[in-house]
Each structure stands twice: as C-alpha cells, then as structure tokens.
Amino acid sequence: GMWVRTRNALNWEAQRIDPATNRVVTTVEGG
C-alpha cells in the first residue's frame, strides 16, 4: 500500500491507501 504521513492539529498520523481502490483503509498514530 501507499502510506501517507499527515499532520492534524495535535499530532502526526499515518494513513494507508489501498492501490486497488485508491482509498484510505487504515489510520494509525504516526511520527
């Protein structure tokens, strides 16, 4: 999958995009 590191107001997250659907399928705390 394609992991994208994102930043919201209070912390970092990491979201996994499934290339079969081009949708975010997983979100975890990132860095």
Full PDB file with SEQRES, HELIX, SHEET, SSBOND, CRYST1, ORIGX, SCALE, CONECT and MASTER records, all heavy atoms in Angstrom:
SEQRES   1 A   31  GLY MET TRP VAL ARG THR ARG ASN ALA LEU ASN TRP GLU          
SEQRES   2 A   31  ALA GLN ARG ILE ASP PRO ALA THR ASN ARG VAL VAL THR          
SEQRES   3 A   31  THR VAL GLU GLY GLY                                          
SHEET    1 AA1 3 MET A   2  ARG A   7  0                                        
SHEET    2 AA1 3 TRP A  12  ASP A  18 -1                                        
SHEET    3 AA1 3 ARG A  23  GLU A  29 -1                                        
CRYST1    1.000    1.000    1.000  90.00  90.00  90.00 P 1           1          
ORIGX1      1.000000  0.000000  0.000000        0.00000                         
ORIGX2      0.000000  1.000000  0.000000        0.00000                         
ORIGX3      0.000000  0.000000  1.000000        0.00000                         
SCALE1      1.000000  0.000000  0.000000        0.00000                         
SCALE2      0.000000  1.000000  0.000000        0.00000                         
SCALE3      0.000000  0.000000  1.000000        0.00000                         
ATOM      1  N   GLY A   1       0.824  -1.203   0.000  1.00  0.00           N  
ATOM      2  CA  GLY A   1       0.000   0.000   0.000  1.00  0.00           C  
ATOM      3  C   GLY A   1       0.855   1.248   0.000  1.00  0.00           C  
ATOM      4  O   GLY A   1       2.085   1.185   0.089  1.00  0.00           O  
ATOM      5  N   MET A   2       0.201   2.385  -0.116  1.00  0.00           N  
ATOM      6  CA  MET A   2       0.898   3.657  -0.060  1.00  0.00           C  
ATOM      7  C   MET A   2       0.550   4.345   1.259  1.00  0.00           C  
ATOM      8  O   MET A   2      -0.607   4.690   1.506  1.00  0.00           O  
ATOM      9  CB  MET A   2       0.480   4.557  -1.236  1.00  0.00           C  
ATOM     10  CG  MET A   2       1.246   5.878  -1.290  1.00  0.00           C  
ATOM     11  SD  MET A   2       3.037   5.654  -1.443  1.00  0.00           S  
ATOM     12  CE  MET A   2       3.128   4.849  -3.052  1.00  0.00           C  
ATOM     13  N   TRP A   3       1.558   4.512   2.100  1.00  0.00           N  
ATOM     14  CA  TRP A   3       1.379   5.186   3.379  1.00  0.00           C  
ATOM     15  C   TRP A   3       1.642   6.681   3.196  1.00  0.00           C  
ATOM     16  O   TRP A   3       2.640   7.074   2.588  1.00  0.00           O  
ATOM     17  CB  TRP A   3       2.334   4.634   4.431  1.00  0.00           C  
ATOM     18  CG  TRP A   3       1.953   3.281   4.936  1.00  0.00           C  
ATOM     19  CD1 TRP A   3       2.350   2.069   4.449  1.00  0.00           C  
ATOM     20  CD2 TRP A   3       1.078   2.993   6.037  1.00  0.00           C  
ATOM     21  NE1 TRP A   3       1.794   1.045   5.171  1.00  0.00           N  
ATOM     22  CE2 TRP A   3       1.013   1.584   6.152  1.00  0.00           C  
ATOM     23  CE3 TRP A   3       0.369   3.783   6.929  1.00  0.00           C  
ATOM     24  CZ2 TRP A   3       0.244   0.951   7.136  1.00  0.00           C  
ATOM     25  CZ3 TRP A   3      -0.396   3.161   7.913  1.00  0.00           C  
ATOM     26  CH2 TRP A   3      -0.455   1.755   8.009  1.00  0.00           C  
ATOM     27  N   VAL A   4       0.752   7.497   3.713  1.00  0.00           N  
ATOM     28  CA  VAL A   4       0.925   8.945   3.666  1.00  0.00           C  
ATOM     29  C   VAL A   4       0.960   9.462   5.098  1.00  0.00           C  
ATOM     30  O   VAL A   4       0.094   9.155   5.914  1.00  0.00           O  
ATOM     31  CB  VAL A   4      -0.190   9.640   2.848  1.00  0.00           C  
ATOM     32  CG1 VAL A   4      -1.571   9.238   3.336  1.00  0.00           C  
ATOM     33  CG2 VAL A   4      -0.047  11.157   2.909  1.00  0.00           C  
ATOM     34  N   ARG A   5       2.009  10.200   5.401  1.00  0.00           N  
ATOM     35  CA  ARG A   5       2.151  10.799   6.728  1.00  0.00           C  
ATOM     36  C   ARG A   5       1.429  12.132   6.711  1.00  0.00           C  
ATOM     37  O   ARG A   5       1.678  12.986   5.859  1.00  0.00           O  
ATOM     38  CB  ARG A   5       3.629  10.979   7.068  1.00  0.00           C  
ATOM     39  CG  ARG A   5       3.916  11.448   8.470  1.00  0.00           C  
ATOM     40  CD  ARG A   5       5.419  11.369   8.751  1.00  0.00           C  
ATOM     41  NE  ARG A   5       6.177  12.150   7.802  1.00  0.00           N  
ATOM     42  CZ  ARG A   5       6.502  13.435   7.964  1.00  0.00           C  
ATOM     43  NH1 ARG A   5       6.112  14.081   9.061  1.00  0.00           N  
ATOM     44  NH2 ARG A   5       7.204  14.073   7.070  1.00  0.00           N  
ATOM     45  N   THR A   6       0.508  12.317   7.653  1.00  0.00           N  
ATOM     46  CA  THR A   6      -0.300  13.525   7.675  1.00  0.00           C  
ATOM     47  C   THR A   6      -0.191  14.200   9.040  1.00  0.00           C  
ATOM     48  O   THR A   6       0.110  13.559  10.047  1.00  0.00           O  
ATOM     49  CB  THR A   6      -1.783  13.228   7.379  1.00  0.00           C  
ATOM     50  OG1 THR A   6      -2.284  12.301   8.365  1.00  0.00           O  
ATOM     51  CG2 THR A   6      -1.946  12.614   6.004  1.00  0.00           C  
ATOM     52  N   ARG A   7      -0.495  15.487   9.054  1.00  0.00           N  
ATOM     53  CA  ARG A   7      -0.447  16.239  10.303  1.00  0.00           C  
ATOM     54  C   ARG A   7      -1.786  16.931  10.509  1.00  0.00           C  
ATOM     55  O   ARG A   7      -2.246  17.685   9.659  1.00  0.00           O  
ATOM     56  CB  ARG A   7       0.665  17.288  10.274  1.00  0.00           C  
ATOM     57  CG  ARG A   7       0.871  17.983  11.615  1.00  0.00           C  
ATOM     58  CD  ARG A   7       1.990  18.985  11.554  1.00  0.00           C  
ATOM     59  NE  ARG A   7       1.622  20.174  10.791  1.00  0.00           N  
ATOM     60  CZ  ARG A   7       2.430  21.210  10.614  1.00  0.00           C  
ATOM     61  NH1 ARG A   7       3.652  21.182  11.099  1.00  0.00           N  
ATOM     62  NH2 ARG A   7       2.034  22.259   9.916  1.00  0.00           N  
ATOM     63  N   ASN A   8      -2.419  16.641  11.659  1.00  0.00           N  
ATOM     64  CA  ASN A   8      -3.619  17.383  12.019  1.00  0.00           C  
ATOM     65  C   ASN A   8      -3.252  18.391  13.098  1.00  0.00           C  
ATOM     66  O   ASN A   8      -2.080  18.689  13.304  1.00  0.00           O  
ATOM     67  CB  ASN A   8      -4.752  16.438  12.438  1.00  0.00           C  
ATOM     68  CG  ASN A   8      -4.364  15.573  13.638  1.00  0.00           C  
ATOM     69  OD1 ASN A   8      -3.566  15.979  14.468  1.00  0.00           O  
ATOM     70  ND2 ASN A   8      -4.932  14.382  13.713  1.00  0.00           N  
ATOM     71  N   ALA A   9      -4.237  18.904  13.810  1.00  0.00           N  
ATOM     72  CA  ALA A   9      -3.969  19.997  14.740  1.00  0.00           C  
ATOM     73  C   ALA A   9      -3.059  19.605  15.894  1.00  0.00           C  
ATOM     74  O   ALA A   9      -2.310  20.431  16.396  1.00  0.00           O  
ATOM     75  CB  ALA A   9      -5.296  20.536  15.281  1.00  0.00           C  
ATOM     76  N   LEU A  10      -3.113  18.333  16.342  1.00  0.00           N  
ATOM     77  CA  LEU A  10      -2.410  17.974  17.572  1.00  0.00           C  
ATOM     78  C   LEU A  10      -1.347  16.906  17.423  1.00  0.00           C  
ATOM     79  O   LEU A  10      -0.527  16.749  18.309  1.00  0.00           O  
ATOM     80  CB  LEU A  10      -3.418  17.523  18.635  1.00  0.00           C  
ATOM     81  CG  LEU A  10      -4.320  18.626  19.206  1.00  0.00           C  
ATOM     82  CD1 LEU A  10      -5.318  18.034  20.171  1.00  0.00           C  
ATOM     83  CD2 LEU A  10      -3.503  19.708  19.884  1.00  0.00           C  
ATOM     84  N   ASN A  11      -1.347  16.135  16.352  1.00  0.00           N  
ATOM     85  CA  ASN A  11      -0.351  15.075  16.260  1.00  0.00           C  
ATOM     86  C   ASN A  11      -0.174  14.629  14.807  1.00  0.00           C  
ATOM     87  O   ASN A  11      -0.857  15.075  13.902  1.00  0.00           O  
ATOM     88  CB  ASN A  11      -0.740  13.876  17.145  1.00  0.00           C  
ATOM     89  CG  ASN A  11      -2.074  13.264  16.740  1.00  0.00           C  
ATOM     90  OD1 ASN A  11      -2.790  13.802  15.897  1.00  0.00           O  
ATOM     91  ND2 ASN A  11      -2.407  12.146  17.343  1.00  0.00           N  
ATOM     92  N   TRP A  12       0.777  13.724  14.632  1.00  0.00           N  
ATOM     93  CA  TRP A  12       1.034  13.129  13.330  1.00  0.00           C  
ATOM     94  C   TRP A  12       0.255  11.822  13.211  1.00  0.00           C  
ATOM     95  O   TRP A  12       0.132  11.065  14.172  1.00  0.00           O  
ATOM     96  CB  TRP A  12       2.520  12.832  13.167  1.00  0.00           C  
ATOM     97  CG  TRP A  12       3.392  14.037  13.073  1.00  0.00           C  
ATOM     98  CD1 TRP A  12       4.152  14.581  14.082  1.00  0.00           C  
ATOM     99  CD2 TRP A  12       3.620  14.851  11.931  1.00  0.00           C  
ATOM    100  NE1 TRP A  12       4.829  15.679  13.634  1.00  0.00           N  
ATOM    101  CE2 TRP A  12       4.524  15.865  12.304  1.00  0.00           C  
ATOM    102  CE3 TRP A  12       3.154  14.818  10.614  1.00  0.00           C  
ATOM    103  CZ2 TRP A  12       4.966  16.840  11.429  1.00  0.00           C  
ATOM    104  CZ3 TRP A  12       3.593  15.787   9.733  1.00  0.00           C  
ATOM    105  CH2 TRP A  12       4.489  16.785  10.141  1.00  0.00           C  
ATOM    106  N   GLU A  13      -0.230  11.557  11.996  1.00  0.00           N  
ATOM    107  CA  GLU A  13      -0.882  10.292  11.699  1.00  0.00           C  
ATOM    108  C   GLU A  13      -0.258   9.691  10.450  1.00  0.00           C  
ATOM    109  O   GLU A  13       0.425  10.376   9.687  1.00  0.00           O  
ATOM    110  CB  GLU A  13      -2.389  10.486  11.486  1.00  0.00           C  
ATOM    111  CG  GLU A  13      -3.149  10.886  12.739  1.00  0.00           C  
ATOM    112  CD  GLU A  13      -4.640  11.042  12.478  1.00  0.00           C  
ATOM    113  OE1 GLU A  13      -5.040  11.322  11.328  1.00  0.00           O  
ATOM    114  OE2 GLU A  13      -5.403  10.898  13.448  1.00  0.00           O  
ATOM    115  N   ALA A  14      -0.494   8.406  10.246  1.00  0.00           N  
ATOM    116  CA  ALA A  14      -0.091   7.725   9.022  1.00  0.00           C  
ATOM    117  C   ALA A  14      -1.313   6.994   8.481  1.00  0.00           C  
ATOM    118  O   ALA A  14      -1.981   6.262   9.216  1.00  0.00           O  
ATOM    119  CB  ALA A  14       1.048   6.748   9.287  1.00  0.00           C  
ATOM    120  N   GLN A  15      -1.604   7.208   7.216  1.00  0.00           N  
ATOM    121  CA  GLN A  15      -2.770   6.602   6.583  1.00  0.00           C  
ATOM    122  C   GLN A  15      -2.312   5.702   5.438  1.00  0.00           C  
ATOM    123  O   GLN A  15      -1.444   6.091   4.645  1.00  0.00           O  
ATOM    124  CB  GLN A  15      -3.717   7.679   6.044  1.00  0.00           C  
ATOM    125  CG  GLN A  15      -4.198   8.647   7.115  1.00  0.00           C  
ATOM    126  CD  GLN A  15      -5.154   9.685   6.564  1.00  0.00           C  
ATOM    127  OE1 GLN A  15      -6.039   9.374   5.770  1.00  0.00           O  
ATOM    128  NE2 GLN A  15      -4.982  10.933   6.982  1.00  0.00           N  
ATOM    129  N   ARG A  16      -2.911   4.518   5.373  1.00  0.00           N  
ATOM    130  CA  ARG A  16      -2.552   3.575   4.319  1.00  0.00           C  
ATOM    131  C   ARG A  16      -3.608   3.608   3.219  1.00  0.00           C  
ATOM    132  O   ARG A  16      -4.808   3.427   3.472  1.00  0.00           O  
ATOM    133  CB  ARG A  16      -2.441   2.155   4.869  1.00  0.00           C  
ATOM    134  CG  ARG A  16      -2.032   1.107   3.835  1.00  0.00           C  
ATOM    135  CD  ARG A  16      -1.903  -0.272   4.477  1.00  0.00           C  
ATOM    136  NE  ARG A  16      -1.452  -1.271   3.526  1.00  0.00           N  
ATOM    137  CZ  ARG A  16      -2.256  -1.992   2.751  1.00  0.00           C  
ATOM    138  NH1 ARG A  16      -3.580  -1.816   2.837  1.00  0.00           N  
ATOM    139  NH2 ARG A  16      -1.771  -2.876   1.910  1.00  0.00           N  
ATOM    140  N   ILE A  17      -3.156   3.852   1.982  1.00  0.00           N  
ATOM    141  CA  ILE A  17      -4.040   3.864   0.818  1.00  0.00           C  
ATOM    142  C   ILE A  17      -3.926   2.520   0.107  1.00  0.00           C  
ATOM    143  O   ILE A  17      -2.817   2.055  -0.193  1.00  0.00           O  
ATOM    144  CB  ILE A  17      -3.665   4.998  -0.143  1.00  0.00           C  
ATOM    145  CG1 ILE A  17      -3.791   6.359   0.559  1.00  0.00           C  
ATOM    146  CG2 ILE A  17      -4.534   4.961  -1.402  1.00  0.00           C  
ATOM    147  CD1 ILE A  17      -3.233   7.508  -0.247  1.00  0.00           C  
ATOM    148  N   ASP A  18      -5.065   1.894  -0.161  1.00  0.00           N  
ATOM    149  CA  ASP A  18      -5.102   0.639  -0.909  1.00  0.00           C  
ATOM    150  C   ASP A  18      -5.063   0.981  -2.395  1.00  0.00           C  
ATOM    151  O   ASP A  18      -5.981   1.634  -2.906  1.00  0.00           O  
ATOM    152  CB  ASP A  18      -6.391  -0.116  -0.566  1.00  0.00           C  
ATOM    153  CG  ASP A  18      -6.487  -1.461  -1.274  1.00  0.00           C  
ATOM    154  OD1 ASP A  18      -5.636  -1.754  -2.134  1.00  0.00           O  
ATOM    155  OD2 ASP A  18      -7.421  -2.220  -0.966  1.00  0.00           O  
ATOM    156  N   PRO A  19      -4.032   0.563  -3.140  1.00  0.00           N  
ATOM    157  CA  PRO A  19      -3.946   0.914  -4.555  1.00  0.00           C  
ATOM    158  C   PRO A  19      -5.020   0.254  -5.413  1.00  0.00           C  
ATOM    159  O   PRO A  19      -5.264   0.693  -6.543  1.00  0.00           O  
ATOM    160  CB  PRO A  19      -2.543   0.435  -4.962  1.00  0.00           C  
ATOM    161  CG  PRO A  19      -2.214  -0.630  -3.981  1.00  0.00           C  
ATOM    162  CD  PRO A  19      -2.863  -0.230  -2.700  1.00  0.00           C  
ATOM    163  N   ALA A  20      -5.675  -0.778  -4.881  1.00  0.00           N  
ATOM    164  CA  ALA A  20      -6.750  -1.424  -5.636  1.00  0.00           C  
ATOM    165  C   ALA A  20      -8.004  -0.560  -5.671  1.00  0.00           C  
ATOM    166  O   ALA A  20      -8.783  -0.608  -6.632  1.00  0.00           O  
ATOM    167  CB  ALA A  20      -7.072  -2.792  -5.034  1.00  0.00           C  
ATOM    168  N   THR A  21      -8.217   0.240  -4.634  1.00  0.00           N  
ATOM    169  CA  THR A  21      -9.425   1.066  -4.547  1.00  0.00           C  
ATOM    170  C   THR A  21      -9.124   2.560  -4.524  1.00  0.00           C  
ATOM    171  O   THR A  21     -10.040   3.372  -4.657  1.00  0.00           O  
ATOM    172  CB  THR A  21     -10.206   0.711  -3.273  1.00  0.00           C  
ATOM    173  OG1 THR A  21      -9.394   1.001  -2.117  1.00  0.00           O  
ATOM    174  CG2 THR A  21     -10.593  -0.758  -3.262  1.00  0.00           C  
ATOM    175  N   ASN A  22      -7.850   2.920  -4.338  1.00  0.00           N  
ATOM    176  CA  ASN A  22      -7.446   4.331  -4.203  1.00  0.00           C  
ATOM    177  C   ASN A  22      -8.180   5.009  -3.047  1.00  0.00           C  
ATOM    178  O   ASN A  22      -8.563   6.177  -3.127  1.00  0.00           O  
ATOM    179  CB  ASN A  22      -7.680   5.095  -5.511  1.00  0.00           C  
ATOM    180  CG  ASN A  22      -6.784   4.610  -6.626  1.00  0.00           C  
ATOM    181  OD1 ASN A  22      -5.625   4.284  -6.403  1.00  0.00           O  
ATOM    182  ND2 ASN A  22      -7.317   4.541  -7.835  1.00  0.00           N  
ATOM    183  N   ARG A  23      -8.330   4.276  -1.941  1.00  0.00           N  
ATOM    184  CA  ARG A  23      -8.991   4.809  -0.757  1.00  0.00           C  
ATOM    185  C   ARG A  23      -8.137   4.551   0.486  1.00  0.00           C  
ATOM    186  O   ARG A  23      -7.410   3.558   0.557  1.00  0.00           O  
ATOM    187  CB  ARG A  23     -10.375   4.167  -0.551  1.00  0.00           C  
ATOM    188  CG  ARG A  23     -11.388   4.515  -1.636  1.00  0.00           C  
ATOM    189  CD  ARG A  23     -12.708   3.796  -1.361  1.00  0.00           C  
ATOM    190  NE  ARG A  23     -13.706   4.115  -2.374  1.00  0.00           N  
ATOM    191  CZ  ARG A  23     -14.522   5.149  -2.329  1.00  0.00           C  
ATOM    192  NH1 ARG A  23     -14.477   5.964  -1.293  1.00  0.00           N  
ATOM    193  NH2 ARG A  23     -15.388   5.377  -3.288  1.00  0.00           N  
ATOM    194  N   VAL A  24      -8.278   5.430   1.464  1.00  0.00           N  
ATOM    195  CA  VAL A  24      -7.620   5.225   2.754  1.00  0.00           C  
ATOM    196  C   VAL A  24      -8.336   4.112   3.498  1.00  0.00           C  
ATOM    197  O   VAL A  24      -9.556   4.166   3.682  1.00  0.00           O  
ATOM    198  CB  VAL A  24      -7.630   6.514   3.592  1.00  0.00           C  
ATOM    199  CG1 VAL A  24      -7.083   6.250   4.994  1.00  0.00           C  
ATOM    200  CG2 VAL A  24      -6.806   7.604   2.903  1.00  0.00           C  
ATOM    201  N   VAL A  25      -7.583   3.096   3.918  1.00  0.00           N  
ATOM    202  CA  VAL A  25      -8.187   1.947   4.594  1.00  0.00           C  
ATOM    203  C   VAL A  25      -7.701   1.785   6.030  1.00  0.00           C  
ATOM    204  O   VAL A  25      -8.310   1.051   6.807  1.00  0.00           O  
ATOM    205  CB  VAL A  25      -7.917   0.644   3.808  1.00  0.00           C  
ATOM    206  CG1 VAL A  25      -8.616   0.681   2.461  1.00  0.00           C  
ATOM    207  CG2 VAL A  25      -6.418   0.401   3.622  1.00  0.00           C  
ATOM    208  N   THR A  26      -6.616   2.449   6.404  1.00  0.00           N  
ATOM    209  CA  THR A  26      -6.055   2.311   7.749  1.00  0.00           C  
ATOM    210  C   THR A  26      -5.475   3.649   8.190  1.00  0.00           C  
ATOM    211  O   THR A  26      -4.838   4.336   7.393  1.00  0.00           O  
ATOM    212  CB  THR A  26      -4.940   1.242   7.781  1.00  0.00           C  
ATOM    213  OG1 THR A  26      -5.450  -0.004   7.328  1.00  0.00           O  
ATOM    214  CG2 THR A  26      -4.392   1.071   9.190  1.00  0.00           C  
ATOM    215  N   THR A  27      -5.690   3.998   9.457  1.00  0.00           N  
ATOM    216  CA  THR A  27      -5.088   5.191  10.031  1.00  0.00           C  
ATOM    217  C   THR A  27      -4.509   4.841  11.396  1.00  0.00           C  
ATOM    218  O   THR A  27      -5.194   4.235  12.226  1.00  0.00           O  
ATOM    219  CB  THR A  27      -6.113   6.330  10.191  1.00  0.00           C  
ATOM    220  OG1 THR A  27      -6.659   6.665   8.906  1.00  0.00           O  
ATOM    221  CG2 THR A  27      -5.458   7.563  10.789  1.00  0.00           C  
ATOM    222  N   VAL A  28      -3.246   5.187  11.618  1.00  0.00           N  
ATOM    223  CA  VAL A  28      -2.591   4.937  12.906  1.00  0.00           C  
ATOM    224  C   VAL A  28      -1.854   6.197  13.335  1.00  0.00           C  
ATOM    225  O   VAL A  28      -1.683   7.129  12.547  1.00  0.00           O  
ATOM    226  CB  VAL A  28      -1.596   3.757  12.824  1.00  0.00           C  
ATOM    227  CG1 VAL A  28      -2.309   2.473  12.448  1.00  0.00           C  
ATOM    228  CG2 VAL A  28      -0.468   4.062  11.841  1.00  0.00           C  
ATOM    229  N   GLU A  29      -1.407   6.216  14.589  1.00  0.00           N  
ATOM    230  CA  GLU A  29      -0.571   7.313  15.048  1.00  0.00           C  
ATOM    231  C   GLU A  29       0.751   7.247  14.300  1.00  0.00           C  
ATOM    232  O   GLU A  29       1.327   6.165  14.124  1.00  0.00           O  
ATOM    233  CB  GLU A  29      -0.321   7.188  16.550  1.00  0.00           C  
ATOM    234  CG  GLU A  29       0.138   8.465  17.207  1.00  0.00           C  
ATOM    235  CD  GLU A  29      -0.993   9.470  17.400  1.00  0.00           C  
ATOM    236  OE1 GLU A  29      -2.147   9.033  17.552  1.00  0.00           O  
ATOM    237  OE2 GLU A  29      -0.714  10.675  17.388  1.00  0.00           O  
ATOM    238  N   GLY A  30       1.238   8.381  13.848  1.00  0.00           N  
ATOM    239  CA  GLY A  30       2.455   8.393  13.051  1.00  0.00           C  
ATOM    240  C   GLY A  30       3.602   9.066  13.767  1.00  0.00           C  
ATOM    241  O   GLY A  30       3.726   9.018  14.984  1.00  0.00           O  
ATOM    242  N   GLY A  31       4.467   9.709  13.002  1.00  0.00           N  
ATOM    243  CA  GLY A  31       5.617  10.390  13.559  1.00  0.00           C  
ATOM    244  C   GLY A  31       6.056  11.502  12.643  1.00  0.00           C  
ATOM    245  O   GLY A  31       5.433  11.761  11.616  1.00  0.00           O  
TER     246      GLY A  31                                                      
MASTER        0    0    0    0    3    0    0    6  245    1    0    3          
END                                                                             
